[in-house]
C-alpha atoms as a PDB file:
ATOM      1  CA  MET A   1      -0.163   0.011   0.198  1.00  0.00           C
ATOM      2  CA  LEU A   2       3.043   2.569   0.623  1.00  0.00           C
ATOM      3  CA  ASN A   3       4.273   1.880  -2.760  1.00  0.00           C
ATOM      4  CA  SER A   4       0.539   2.904  -4.250  1.00  0.00           C
ATOM      5  CA  TYR A   5       0.944   6.338  -2.256  1.00  0.00           C
ATOM      6  CA  ARG A   6       4.387   7.080  -2.931  1.00  0.00           C
ATOM      7  CA  SER A   7       3.499   6.350  -6.603  1.00  0.00           C
ATOM      8  CA  ASN A   8       0.595   8.676  -5.941  1.00  0.00           C
ATOM      9  CA  PHE A   9       2.860  11.247  -4.288  1.00  0.00           C
ATOM     10  CA  THR A  10       5.341  10.716  -7.433  1.00  0.00           C
ATOM     11  CA  ILE A  11       2.693  12.034  -9.784  1.00  0.00           C
ATOM     12  CA  ILE A  12       1.601  14.801  -7.882  1.00  0.00           C
ATOM     13  CA  LYS A  13       5.014  16.018  -7.256  1.00  0.00           C
ATOM     14  CA  LEU A  14       5.622  16.070 -10.991  1.00  0.00           C
ATOM     15  CA  PHE A  15       2.070  17.886 -11.820  1.00  0.00           C
ATOM     16  CA  LEU A  16       3.745  20.218  -9.441  1.00  0.00           C
ATOM     17  CA  ALA A  17       7.198  20.267 -10.687  1.00  0.00           C
ATOM     18  CA  PHE A  18       5.179  21.632 -14.647  1.00  0.00           C
ATOM     19  CA  ILE A  19       3.477  23.997 -12.395  1.00  0.00           C
ATOM     20  CA  VAL A  20       6.689  25.926 -11.910  1.00  0.00           C
ATOM     21  CA  PHE A  21       7.868  25.547 -15.198  1.00  0.00           C
ATOM     22  CA  ILE A  22       4.213  26.867 -16.643  1.00  0.00           C
ATOM     23  CA  THR A  23       4.391  29.688 -14.066  1.00  0.00           C
ATOM     24  CA  HIS A  24       8.162  30.655 -14.924  1.00  0.00           C
ATOM     25  CA  PHE A  25       8.045  29.790 -18.557  1.00  0.00           C
ATOM     26  CA  ILE A  26       4.951  32.598 -18.892  1.00  0.00           C
ATOM     27  CA  PHE A  27       6.743  35.398 -16.679  1.00  0.00           C
ATOM     28  CA  LEU A  28      10.066  34.629 -18.452  1.00  0.00           C
ATOM     29  CA  ASN A  29       8.337  35.225 -21.729  1.00  0.00           C
ATOM     30  CA  LYS A  30       5.870  37.749 -20.675  1.00  0.00           C
ATOM     31  CA  HIS A  31       6.367  40.135 -23.777  1.00  0.00           C
ATOM     32  CA  ILE A  32       4.985  38.026 -26.041  1.00  0.00           C
ATOM     33  CA  LEU A  33       1.767  37.685 -23.877  1.00  0.00           C
ATOM     34  CA  GLU A  34       2.097  41.585 -23.573  1.00  0.00           C
ATOM     35  CA  SER A  35       2.415  41.959 -27.442  1.00  0.00           C
ATOM     36  CA  SER A  36      -0.225  40.170 -28.936  1.00  0.00           C
ATOM     37  CA  ASN A  37      -4.189  40.412 -28.085  1.00  0.00           C
ATOM     38  CA  GLU A  38      -4.298  36.365 -28.667  1.00  0.00           C
ATOM     39  CA  TYR A  39      -2.936  35.726 -25.715  1.00  0.00           C
ATOM     40  CA  LEU A  40      -5.264  37.742 -23.476  1.00  0.00           C
ATOM     41  CA  HIS A  41      -6.823  35.658 -21.733  1.00  0.00           C
ATOM     42  CA  ILE A  42      -3.571  33.968 -20.017  1.00  0.00           C
ATOM     43  CA  LEU A  43      -2.806  37.638 -19.062  1.00  0.00           C
ATOM     44  CA  LYS A  44      -6.187  37.516 -17.391  1.00  0.00           C
ATOM     45  CA  PHE A  45      -5.848  34.312 -15.795  1.00  0.00           C
ATOM     46  CA  ILE A  46      -2.442  34.650 -13.901  1.00  0.00           C
ATOM     47  CA  SER A  47      -3.104  37.665 -12.874  1.00  0.00           C
ATOM     48  CA  SER A  48      -6.429  36.528 -11.149  1.00  0.00           C
ATOM     49  CA  GLU A  49      -6.235  36.186  -7.275  1.00  0.00           C
ATOM     50  CA  TYR A  50      -7.875  33.101  -7.449  1.00  0.00           C
ATOM     51  CA  ASN A  51      -5.442  31.235  -9.331  1.00  0.00           C
ATOM     52  CA  PHE A  52      -3.495  29.122  -7.460  1.00  0.00           C
ATOM     53  CA  PHE A  53      -2.203  27.442 -10.518  1.00  0.00           C
ATOM     54  CA  ASN A  54       1.306  29.237  -9.502  1.00  0.00           C
ATOM     55  CA  ALA A  55       4.888  28.378  -8.561  1.00  0.00           C
ATOM     56  CA  GLU A  56       4.545  29.376  -4.706  1.00  0.00           C
ATOM     57  CA  PHE A  57       1.568  27.553  -3.985  1.00  0.00           C
ATOM     58  CA  ALA A  58       3.100  24.288  -5.916  1.00  0.00           C
ATOM     59  CA  VAL A  59       6.211  24.719  -4.103  1.00  0.00           C
ATOM     60  CA  LYS A  60       4.159  24.929  -0.633  1.00  0.00           C
ATOM     61  CA  ILE A  61       2.381  21.611  -1.861  1.00  0.00           C
ATOM     62  CA  PHE A  62       5.890  19.951  -2.419  1.00  0.00           C
ATOM     63  CA  PHE A  63       7.134  20.610   1.521  1.00  0.00           C
ATOM     64  CA  SER A  64       3.746  19.005   2.223  1.00  0.00           C
ATOM     65  CA  ILE A  65       4.652  16.049   0.748  1.00  0.00           C
ATOM     66  CA  SER A  66       8.350  15.662   1.877  1.00  0.00           C
ATOM     67  CA  GLY A  67       7.480  16.442   5.498  1.00  0.00           C
ATOM     68  CA  TYR A  68       5.142  13.738   5.191  1.00  0.00           C
ATOM     69  CA  LEU A  69       7.324  11.139   3.415  1.00  0.00           C
ATOM     70  CA  ILE A  70      10.256  12.271   5.464  1.00  0.00           C
ATOM     71  CA  GLY A  71       8.174  11.495   8.220  1.00  0.00           C
ATOM     72  CA  LEU A  72       7.606   7.770   7.050  1.00  0.00           C
ATOM     73  CA  SER A  73      10.954   7.324   6.173  1.00  0.00           C
ATOM     74  CA  LEU A  74      12.290   8.526   9.908  1.00  0.00           C
ATOM     75  CA  SER A  75      10.002   6.093  11.602  1.00  0.00           C
ATOM     76  CA  LYS A  76      11.549   2.950   9.975  1.00  0.00           C
ATOM     77  CA  ASN A  77      14.854   4.757  10.138  1.00  0.00           C
ATOM     78  CA  THR A  78      15.654   6.523  13.600  1.00  0.00           C
ATOM     79  CA  LYS A  79      20.105   7.117  12.556  1.00  0.00           C
ATOM     80  CA  ILE A  80      20.126  10.473  11.935  1.00  0.00           C
ATOM     81  CA  LEU A  81      23.758  10.221  10.359  1.00  0.00           C
ATOM     82  CA  THR A  82      22.160   7.694   8.017  1.00  0.00           C
ATOM     83  CA  PHE A  83      19.216  10.382   7.191  1.00  0.00           C
ATOM     84  CA  TYR A  84      21.392  12.942   6.294  1.00  0.00           C
ATOM     85  CA  LYS A  85      23.503  10.635   4.207  1.00  0.00           C
ATOM     86  CA  LYS A  86      20.517  10.697   2.310  1.00  0.00           C
ATOM     87  CA  ARG A  87      19.248  13.539   2.123  1.00  0.00           C
ATOM     88  CA  ILE A  88      22.634  15.075   0.743  1.00  0.00           C
ATOM     89  CA  MET A  89      23.255  12.765  -1.700  1.00  0.00           C
ATOM     90  CA  ARG A  90      19.841  13.419  -3.043  1.00  0.00           C
ATOM     91  CA  ILE A  91      19.675  17.115  -3.291  1.00  0.00           C
ATOM     92  CA  TYR A  92      23.435  18.555  -3.634  1.00  0.00           C
ATOM     93  CA  PRO A  93      24.790  15.801  -7.179  1.00  0.00           C
ATOM     94  CA  SER A  94      22.335  17.025  -9.285  1.00  0.00           C
ATOM     95  CA  TYR A  95      22.239  20.742  -7.874  1.00  0.00           C
ATOM     96  CA  ILE A  96      25.827  21.047  -7.913  1.00  0.00           C
ATOM     97  CA  THR A  97      25.961  19.852 -11.631  1.00  0.00           C
ATOM     98  CA  VAL A  98      23.242  22.559 -12.542  1.00  0.00           C
ATOM     99  CA  ILE A  99      25.474  25.071 -11.196  1.00  0.00           C
ATOM    100  CA  LEU A 100      28.825  23.806 -12.535  1.00  0.00           C
ATOM    101  CA  ILE A 101      27.396  23.869 -16.498  1.00  0.00           C
ATOM    102  CA  PHE A 102      24.603  26.927 -16.559  1.00  0.00           C
ATOM    103  CA  PHE A 103      27.920  28.516 -14.553  1.00  0.00           C
ATOM    104  CA  LEU A 104      30.050  27.537 -17.668  1.00  0.00           C
ATOM    105  CA  ILE A 105      27.262  28.385 -20.488  1.00  0.00           C
ATOM    106  CA  ALA A 106      27.493  32.252 -18.667  1.00  0.00           C
ATOM    107  CA  LEU A 107      31.070  32.152 -19.402  1.00  0.00           C
ATOM    108  CA  VAL A 108      30.575  30.624 -22.791  1.00  0.00           C
ATOM    109  CA  PHE A 109      27.731  32.907 -23.821  1.00  0.00           C
ATOM    110  CA  ASN A 110      29.021  36.208 -22.098  1.00  0.00           C
ATOM    111  CA  THR A 111      28.721  39.352 -23.941  1.00  0.00           C
ATOM    112  CA  ASN A 112      31.957  40.686 -22.040  1.00  0.00           C
ATOM    113  CA  LYS A 113      35.560  39.215 -22.797  1.00  0.00           C
ATOM    114  CA  LEU A 114      36.502  35.876 -21.150  1.00  0.00           C
ATOM    115  CA  ASN A 115      39.801  37.258 -20.114  1.00  0.00           C
ATOM    116  CA  THR A 116      38.116  40.465 -18.356  1.00  0.00           C
ATOM    117  CA  LEU A 117      35.363  38.466 -16.758  1.00  0.00           C
ATOM    118  CA  ILE A 118      37.967  36.131 -15.700  1.00  0.00           C
ATOM    119  CA  SER A 119      39.710  38.653 -13.934  1.00  0.00           C
ATOM    120  CA  GLU A 120      36.642  39.831 -12.006  1.00  0.00           C
ATOM    121  CA  SER A 121      35.702  38.702  -8.205  1.00  0.00           C
ATOM    122  CA  GLU A 122      32.032  38.239  -9.571  1.00  0.00           C
ATOM    123  CA  ILE A 123      32.310  34.860 -10.978  1.00  0.00           C
ATOM    124  CA  TYR A 124      34.160  33.813  -8.121  1.00  0.00           C
ATOM    125  CA  ILE A 125      31.482  34.690  -6.031  1.00  0.00           C
ATOM    126  CA  TYR A 126      28.674  33.739  -7.711  1.00  0.00           C
ATOM    127  CA  LEU A 127      30.561  29.749  -8.195  1.00  0.00           C
ATOM    128  CA  ILE A 128      30.471  30.101  -4.849  1.00  0.00           C
ATOM    129  CA  SER A 129      27.887  31.116  -2.775  1.00  0.00           C
ATOM    130  CA  ASN A 130      25.479  29.108  -5.099  1.00  0.00           C
ATOM    131  CA  LEU A 131      27.479  26.120  -4.798  1.00  0.00           C
ATOM    132  CA  LEU A 132      26.538  26.449  -0.477  1.00  0.00           C
ATOM    133  CA  THR A 133      23.023  27.835  -1.324  1.00  0.00           C
ATOM    134  CA  LEU A 134      23.780  31.370  -0.814  1.00  0.00           C
ATOM    135  CA  ASN A 135      21.901  32.392  -4.482  1.00  0.00           C
ATOM    136  CA  PHE A 136      20.920  35.796  -3.373  1.00  0.00           C
ATOM    137  CA  ILE A 137      24.295  36.965  -3.057  1.00  0.00           C
ATOM    138  CA  GLN A 138      25.324  36.793  -6.462  1.00  0.00           C
ATOM    139  CA  PRO A 139      22.319  35.473  -8.684  1.00  0.00           C
ATOM    140  CA  SER A 140      24.091  35.803 -12.266  1.00  0.00           C
ATOM    141  CA  ILE A 141      26.720  37.164 -13.713  1.00  0.00           C
ATOM    142  CA  SER A 142      27.207  40.625 -15.889  1.00  0.00           C
ATOM    143  CA  GLY A 143      27.020  40.192 -19.230  1.00  0.00           C
ATOM    144  CA  PHE A 144      24.926  36.606 -19.642  1.00  0.00           C
ATOM    145  CA  LEU A 145      21.538  37.660 -18.692  1.00  0.00           C
ATOM    146  CA  ASP A 146      21.360  41.465 -19.006  1.00  0.00           C
ATOM    147  CA  GLN A 147      18.745  41.728 -21.518  1.00  0.00           C
ATOM    148  CA  ASN A 148      16.860  39.223 -19.326  1.00  0.00           C
ATOM    149  CA  VAL A 149      13.331  39.802 -17.556  1.00  0.00           C
ATOM    150  CA  ILE A 150      15.341  39.103 -14.842  1.00  0.00           C
ATOM    151  CA  ASN A 151      18.605  38.829 -14.253  1.00  0.00           C
ATOM    152  CA  ALA A 152      19.300  35.391 -12.671  1.00  0.00           C
ATOM    153  CA  ILE A 153      20.551  32.561 -14.005  1.00  0.00           C
ATOM    154  CA  ASN A 154      18.331  29.821 -11.660  1.00  0.00           C
ATOM    155  CA  GLY A 155      15.872  31.872  -9.484  1.00  0.00           C
ATOM    156  CA  SER A 156      14.199  28.697  -8.510  1.00  0.00           C
ATOM    157  CA  LEU A 157      17.167  27.719  -6.381  1.00  0.00           C
ATOM    158  CA  TRP A 158      16.169  30.008  -3.409  1.00  0.00           C
ATOM    159  CA  THR A 159      14.171  27.037  -2.078  1.00  0.00           C
ATOM    160  CA  ILE A 160      16.692  24.495  -1.381  1.00  0.00           C
ATOM    161  CA  LYS A 161      18.200  26.333   1.187  1.00  0.00           C
ATOM    162  CA  ASN A 162      14.977  26.393   2.736  1.00  0.00           C
ATOM    163  CA  GLU A 163      14.734  22.502   2.149  1.00  0.00           C
ATOM    164  CA  LEU A 164      17.901  21.545   3.677  1.00  0.00           C
ATOM    165  CA  VAL A 165      16.796  24.036   7.156  1.00  0.00           C
ATOM    166  CA  CYS A 166      13.861  21.733   7.127  1.00  0.00           C
ATOM    167  CA  TYR A 167      15.910  18.342   6.401  1.00  0.00           C
ATOM    168  CA  PHE A 168      18.404  19.405   9.160  1.00  0.00           C
ATOM    169  CA  LEU A 169      15.671  19.862  11.956  1.00  0.00           C
ATOM    170  CA  ALA A 170      13.353  17.017  10.727  1.00  0.00           C
ATOM    171  CA  PRO A 171      14.931  14.302  13.302  1.00  0.00           C
ATOM    172  CA  PHE A 172      14.289  16.930  16.102  1.00  0.00           C
ATOM    173  CA  ILE A 173      11.129  17.727  15.419  1.00  0.00           C
ATOM    174  CA  PHE A 174       9.672  14.443  14.678  1.00  0.00           C
ATOM    175  CA  SER A 175      11.025  12.452  17.506  1.00  0.00           C
ATOM    176  CA  TYR A 176       9.177  15.386  19.787  1.00  0.00           C
ATOM    177  CA  ILE A 177       6.429  14.654  17.797  1.00  0.00           C
ATOM    178  CA  LYS A 178       6.552  10.894  17.773  1.00  0.00           C
ATOM    179  CA  LYS A 179       6.548  11.097  21.488  1.00  0.00           C
ATOM    180  CA  ASN A 180       3.663  13.559  21.940  1.00  0.00           C
ATOM    181  CA  LYS A 181       1.409  15.203  19.634  1.00  0.00           C
ATOM    182  CA  ASN A 182       1.151  17.696  21.747  1.00  0.00           C
ATOM    183  CA  TRP A 183       4.687  19.117  20.343  1.00  0.00           C
ATOM    184  CA  PHE A 184       3.077  19.682  16.809  1.00  0.00           C
ATOM    185  CA  SER A 185       1.000  22.931  18.283  1.00  0.00           C
ATOM    186  CA  PHE A 186       4.369  24.079  19.972  1.00  0.00           C
ATOM    187  CA  PHE A 187       6.472  23.713  16.526  1.00  0.00           C
ATOM    188  CA  TYR A 188       3.392  24.784  14.723  1.00  0.00           C
ATOM    189  CA  ILE A 189       2.790  28.266  16.337  1.00  0.00           C
ATOM    190  CA  LEU A 190       6.659  28.728  16.179  1.00  0.00           C
ATOM    191  CA  SER A 191       7.300  27.723  12.707  1.00  0.00           C
ATOM    192  CA  ILE A 192       4.554  29.871  11.518  1.00  0.00           C
ATOM    193  CA  LEU A 193       5.704  33.301  13.654  1.00  0.00           C
ATOM    194  CA  TRP A 194       9.711  32.240  11.940  1.00  0.00           C
ATOM    195  CA  ALA A 195       7.944  32.137   8.745  1.00  0.00           C
ATOM    196  CA  VAL A 196       5.821  35.225   8.874  1.00  0.00           C
ATOM    197  CA  ILE A 197       7.199  37.815  11.222  1.00  0.00           C
ATOM    198  CA  PRO A 198      10.939  37.894  10.400  1.00  0.00           C
ATOM    199  CA  THR A 199       9.906  37.386   6.696  1.00  0.00           C
ATOM    200  CA  GLU A 200       7.598  40.939   6.947  1.00  0.00           C
ATOM    201  CA  ILE A 201       9.926  42.627   8.718  1.00  0.00           C
ATOM    202  CA  ILE A 202      13.421  41.733   6.268  1.00  0.00           C
ATOM    203  CA  SER A 203      11.178  42.361   3.485  1.00  0.00           C
ATOM    204  CA  GLU A 204      11.146  46.113   3.935  1.00  0.00           C
ATOM    205  CA  ILE A 205      14.655  46.186   4.080  1.00  0.00           C
ATOM    206  CA  HIS A 206      16.096  43.887   2.039  1.00  0.00           C
ATOM    207  CA  PRO A 207      13.035  42.094  -0.382  1.00  0.00           C
ATOM    208  CA  ARG A 208      15.452  39.246  -1.662  1.00  0.00           C
ATOM    209  CA  LEU A 209      16.898  38.260   1.660  1.00  0.00           C
ATOM    210  CA  SER A 210      13.706  37.489   3.180  1.00  0.00           C
ATOM    211  CA  LYS A 211      12.465  34.626   1.473  1.00  0.00           C
ATOM    212  CA  GLN A 212      15.928  32.933   1.976  1.00  0.00           C
ATOM    213  CA  PHE A 213      13.808  32.334   5.536  1.00  0.00           C
ATOM    214  CA  PRO A 214      12.390  28.609   6.000  1.00  0.00           C
ATOM    215  CA  MET A 215       9.245  30.353   4.829  1.00  0.00           C
ATOM    216  CA  PHE A 216       8.028  26.885   3.944  1.00  0.00           C
ATOM    217  CA  LEU A 217       8.506  25.588   7.542  1.00  0.00           C
ATOM    218  CA  PRO A 218       4.811  25.295   8.877  1.00  0.00           C
ATOM    219  CA  PHE A 219       4.253  23.080   5.344  1.00  0.00           C
ATOM    220  CA  PHE A 220       6.989  20.461   5.979  1.00  0.00           C
ATOM    221  CA  ILE A 221       6.240  20.251   9.793  1.00  0.00           C
ATOM    222  CA  SER A 222       2.487  19.196   9.072  1.00  0.00           C
ATOM    223  CA  GLY A 223       3.471  16.946   6.538  1.00  0.00           C
ATOM    224  CA  LEU A 224       5.827  15.496   9.386  1.00  0.00           C
ATOM    225  CA  PHE A 225       2.868  15.085  11.894  1.00  0.00           C
ATOM    226  CA  ILE A 226       0.716  13.302   9.519  1.00  0.00           C
ATOM    227  CA  SER A 227       2.982  11.255   9.216  1.00  0.00           C
ATOM    228  CA  THR A 228       2.398   9.972  12.769  1.00  0.00           C
ATOM    229  CA  LEU A 229      -1.394   9.722  12.593  1.00  0.00           C
ATOM    230  CA  LYS A 230      -3.615   6.728  10.672  1.00  0.00           C
ATOM    231  CA  ILE A 231      -5.474   9.594   8.208  1.00  0.00           C
ATOM    232  CA  SER A 232      -8.638   8.201   6.357  1.00  0.00           C
ATOM    233  CA  SER A 233      -9.349   9.635   2.870  1.00  0.00           C
ATOM    234  CA  LYS A 234     -13.339  10.923   4.552  1.00  0.00           C
ATOM    235  CA  LEU A 235     -11.486  13.719   5.798  1.00  0.00           C
ATOM    236  CA  TYR A 236     -11.063  14.963   2.310  1.00  0.00           C
ATOM    237  CA  LEU A 237     -14.476  16.905   2.653  1.00  0.00           C
ATOM    238  CA  PRO A 238     -14.588  18.292   6.338  1.00  0.00           C
ATOM    239  CA  THR A 239     -11.187  19.592   5.662  1.00  0.00           C
ATOM    240  CA  MET A 240     -12.588  21.223   2.493  1.00  0.00           C
ATOM    241  CA  VAL A 241     -15.131  22.766   3.746  1.00  0.00           C
ATOM    242  CA  ILE A 242     -13.296  24.065   7.400  1.00  0.00           C
ATOM    243  CA  LEU A 243     -11.072  25.843   4.944  1.00  0.00           C
ATOM    244  CA  ILE A 244     -13.735  27.422   2.675  1.00  0.00           C
ATOM    245  CA  CYS A 245     -14.920  28.462   5.939  1.00  0.00           C
ATOM    246  CA  THR A 246     -12.212  30.186   7.713  1.00  0.00           C
ATOM    247  CA  TYR A 247     -11.265  31.939   4.161  1.00  0.00           C
ATOM    248  CA  LEU A 248     -14.800  33.727   3.920  1.00  0.00           C
ATOM    249  CA  ILE A 249     -15.382  34.595   7.542  1.00  0.00           C
ATOM    250  CA  ASN A 250     -11.603  35.343   8.703  1.00  0.00           C
ATOM    251  CA  TYR A 251      -8.670  35.465   6.594  1.00  0.00           C
ATOM    252  CA  LEU A 252      -6.084  35.588   9.356  1.00  0.00           C
ATOM    253  CA  ALA A 253      -7.609  32.724  10.741  1.00  0.00           C
ATOM    254  CA  PHE A 254      -7.351  31.362   7.012  1.00  0.00           C
ATOM    255  CA  THR A 255      -3.858  31.767   7.215  1.00  0.00           C
ATOM    256  CA  PHE A 256      -3.235  30.402  10.224  1.00  0.00           C
ATOM    257  CA  ILE A 257      -4.438  27.103   9.509  1.00  0.00           C
ATOM    258  CA  PHE A 258      -3.875  26.651   5.547  1.00  0.00           C
ATOM    259  CA  PRO A 259      -0.762  24.885   6.018  1.00  0.00           C
ATOM    260  CA  VAL A 260      -1.672  22.203   8.009  1.00  0.00           C
ATOM    261  CA  CYS A 261      -4.982  21.699   5.889  1.00  0.00           C
ATOM    262  CA  ILE A 262      -3.729  22.158   2.727  1.00  0.00           C
ATOM    263  CA  THR A 263      -1.279  19.461   3.460  1.00  0.00           C
ATOM    264  CA  LEU A 264      -4.397  17.538   4.958  1.00  0.00           C
ATOM    265  CA  LEU A 265      -6.201  17.416   1.914  1.00  0.00           C
ATOM    266  CA  VAL A 266      -2.798  16.310  -0.384  1.00  0.00           C
ATOM    267  CA  ILE A 267      -2.450  13.688   1.961  1.00  0.00           C
ATOM    268  CA  CYS A 268      -6.191  12.529   1.362  1.00  0.00           C
ATOM    269  CA  LEU A 269      -5.804  13.081  -2.317  1.00  0.00           C
ATOM    270  CA  SER A 270      -3.123  10.539  -2.426  1.00  0.00           C
ATOM    271  CA  LYS A 271      -5.225   7.614  -0.583  1.00  0.00           C
ATOM    272  CA  THR A 272      -8.567   8.671  -2.862  1.00  0.00           C
ATOM    273  CA  VAL A 273      -7.530   6.280  -5.360  1.00  0.00           C
ATOM    274  CA  TYR A 274      -4.484   4.107  -5.238  1.00  0.00           C
ATOM    275  CA  LEU A 275      -2.262   4.638  -8.879  1.00  0.00           C
ATOM    276  CA  ASP A 276       0.015   2.168  -8.810  1.00  0.00           C
ATOM    277  CA  ILE A 277       1.520   3.416 -11.591  1.00  0.00           C
ATOM    278  CA  LYS A 278       5.200   2.860 -12.371  1.00  0.00           C
ATOM    279  CA  ILE A 279       6.921   6.491 -13.273  1.00  0.00           C
ATOM    280  CA  LYS A 280       9.961   8.405 -12.519  1.00  0.00           C
ATOM    281  CA  ASP A 281      10.269  11.015 -10.178  1.00  0.00           C
ATOM    282  CA  TYR A 282      12.008  13.516 -12.287  1.00  0.00           C
ATOM    283  CA  SER A 283      10.061  16.452 -10.569  1.00  0.00           C
ATOM    284  CA  TYR A 284      13.367  17.303  -8.837  1.00  0.00           C
ATOM    285  CA  GLY A 285      15.159  17.521 -11.989  1.00  0.00           C
ATOM    286  CA  LEU A 286      12.853  19.723 -13.614  1.00  0.00           C
ATOM    287  CA  TYR A 287      12.815  21.912 -10.830  1.00  0.00           C
ATOM    288  CA  LEU A 288      16.346  22.353 -11.065  1.00  0.00           C
ATOM    289  CA  TRP A 289      16.940  22.847 -14.951  1.00  0.00           C
ATOM    290  CA  HIS A 290      13.370  24.715 -15.976  1.00  0.00           C
ATOM    291  CA  PHE A 291      14.672  28.155 -15.002  1.00  0.00           C
ATOM    292  CA  PRO A 292      17.696  28.604 -16.560  1.00  0.00           C
ATOM    293  CA  VAL A 293      17.411  26.922 -19.865  1.00  0.00           C
ATOM    294  CA  ILE A 294      14.624  29.502 -19.995  1.00  0.00           C
ATOM    295  CA  GLN A 295      16.675  31.666 -19.463  1.00  0.00           C
ATOM    296  CA  THR A 296      19.326  30.480 -21.620  1.00  0.00           C
ATOM    297  CA  ILE A 297      16.321  30.371 -24.550  1.00  0.00           C
ATOM    298  CA  TYR A 298      15.575  33.400 -24.102  1.00  0.00           C
ATOM    299  CA  MET A 299      19.210  35.040 -23.772  1.00  0.00           C
ATOM    300  CA  MET A 300      19.329  33.549 -27.234  1.00  0.00           C
ATOM    301  CA  ASN A 301      16.100  35.667 -28.765  1.00  0.00           C
ATOM    302  CA  ASN A 302      14.004  32.504 -28.267  1.00  0.00           C
ATOM    303  CA  PHE A 303      15.271  30.721 -31.450  1.00  0.00           C
ATOM    304  CA  GLY A 304      13.562  33.621 -33.507  1.00  0.00           C
ATOM    305  CA  ILE A 305      10.243  32.108 -32.296  1.00  0.00           C
ATOM    306  CA  THR A 306       7.039  34.633 -31.432  1.00  0.00           C
ATOM    307  CA  ASN A 307       4.312  31.892 -30.666  1.00  0.00           C
ATOM    308  CA  LEU A 308       3.851  31.012 -27.504  1.00  0.00           C
ATOM    309  CA  TYR A 309       2.872  28.182 -27.758  1.00  0.00           C
ATOM    310  CA  LYS A 310       5.431  26.747 -30.196  1.00  0.00           C
ATOM    311  CA  LEU A 311       8.150  27.931 -27.994  1.00  0.00           C
ATOM    312  CA  PHE A 312       6.569  25.912 -24.996  1.00  0.00           C
ATOM    313  CA  ILE A 313       6.719  22.596 -26.376  1.00  0.00           C
ATOM    314  CA  ILE A 314      10.250  23.481 -27.624  1.00  0.00           C
ATOM    315  CA  THR A 315      11.154  24.722 -24.627  1.00  0.00           C
ATOM    316  CA  PHE A 316       9.732  21.835 -22.344  1.00  0.00           C
ATOM    317  CA  SER A 317      11.463  19.024 -25.123  1.00  0.00           C
ATOM    318  CA  ILE A 318      15.128  20.800 -24.357  1.00  0.00           C
ATOM    319  CA  ILE A 319      14.476  20.610 -20.590  1.00  0.00           C
ATOM    320  CA  MET A 320      13.340  17.788 -20.509  1.00  0.00           C
ATOM    321  CA  PHE A 321      15.949  15.636 -22.785  1.00  0.00           C
ATOM    322  CA  PHE A 322      18.588  17.545 -19.653  1.00  0.00           C
ATOM    323  CA  VAL A 323      16.513  16.459 -16.795  1.00  0.00           C
ATOM    324  CA  TYR A 324      16.483  12.775 -18.655  1.00  0.00           C
ATOM    325  CA  LEU A 325      19.901  12.804 -18.662  1.00  0.00           C
ATOM    326  CA  ASN A 326      20.017  14.147 -14.984  1.00  0.00           C
ATOM    327  CA  TYR A 327      18.163  11.185 -13.802  1.00  0.00           C
ATOM    328  CA  VAL A 328      20.151   8.588 -15.209  1.00  0.00           C
ATOM    329  CA  PHE A 329      23.704   9.558 -14.779  1.00  0.00           C
ATOM    330  CA  ILE A 330      23.152  11.686 -12.119  1.00  0.00           C
ATOM    331  CA  GLU A 331      20.183  11.354  -9.682  1.00  0.00           C
ATOM    332  CA  ASP A 332      19.512   7.561 -10.217  1.00  0.00           C
ATOM    333  CA  ARG A 333      23.565   6.702  -9.608  1.00  0.00           C
ATOM    334  CA  PHE A 334      24.045   9.160  -6.385  1.00  0.00           C
ATOM    335  CA  ARG A 335      20.986   8.171  -4.600  1.00  0.00           C
ATOM    336  CA  ILE A 336      21.370   6.018  -1.430  1.00  0.00           C
ATOM    337  CA  LYS A 337      18.226   3.326  -1.679  1.00  0.00           C
END
């Protein structure tokens, strides 16, 4: 049965990664949408306040699922060092590969003279800070993406440090929650305050720095907690009703209960239908590769393609080619099973 759940989660994660890709594809190519009336319906949809089809929402669900699956793993294996080793080998090999490849691409396609560029400190700061997941320090290299909508080689990587923080805290939080479920309330409230208060304060000072805090920790902790419970798919409807009613009555209360409720909804959804489909989990690779590929194609003037749908298909095909190679030669080889 657990394999069926994991199969369902693989499908959900692939769908979420696809949402992140679509969101970034539209945002990084928004000039195409704005230049033609043909795409007005897309602009109206993505600008709607009720649009949950966006990258931030998808990443929140990622953390919910991650917390739940990590909780299931921790319930079987109590060796912390083994847990950390597995997580590091799951994250870092692919992460380092993407950083190094697009670092070289940035040098090759740079409009500045290579000799001058290599003598400048920014390329070393970029390489070191990004390898350490401190991407906000130096998100790009001058002369590579200067004409792009956003001057960042890989704007998705800021969540990786959030994930690493969650992984580091997971064994300790899970052990307390497993012993006494009341600890969940303490950790959950603390994570909400940690995610909201520092983020709001720092965003006024340095908007980019505000996203470096573990803002998705409430979703991850909710997943850890629910992994210790016996959840029935019948909870789906009452949870949905609670969310909707709270949203209509008090938005502050809705914000507070949203992480745990949306996590519960996703877990219930995974148990509603058992889709025991054998499919590889390309979600992490898709998340890592999509942004820099879109950026590089944009830098190359989108190959002269002005039709959004044609550009979408070509871009996605190129991304999946690299995602497949990454899975076969990096992810699958370095993962500790």
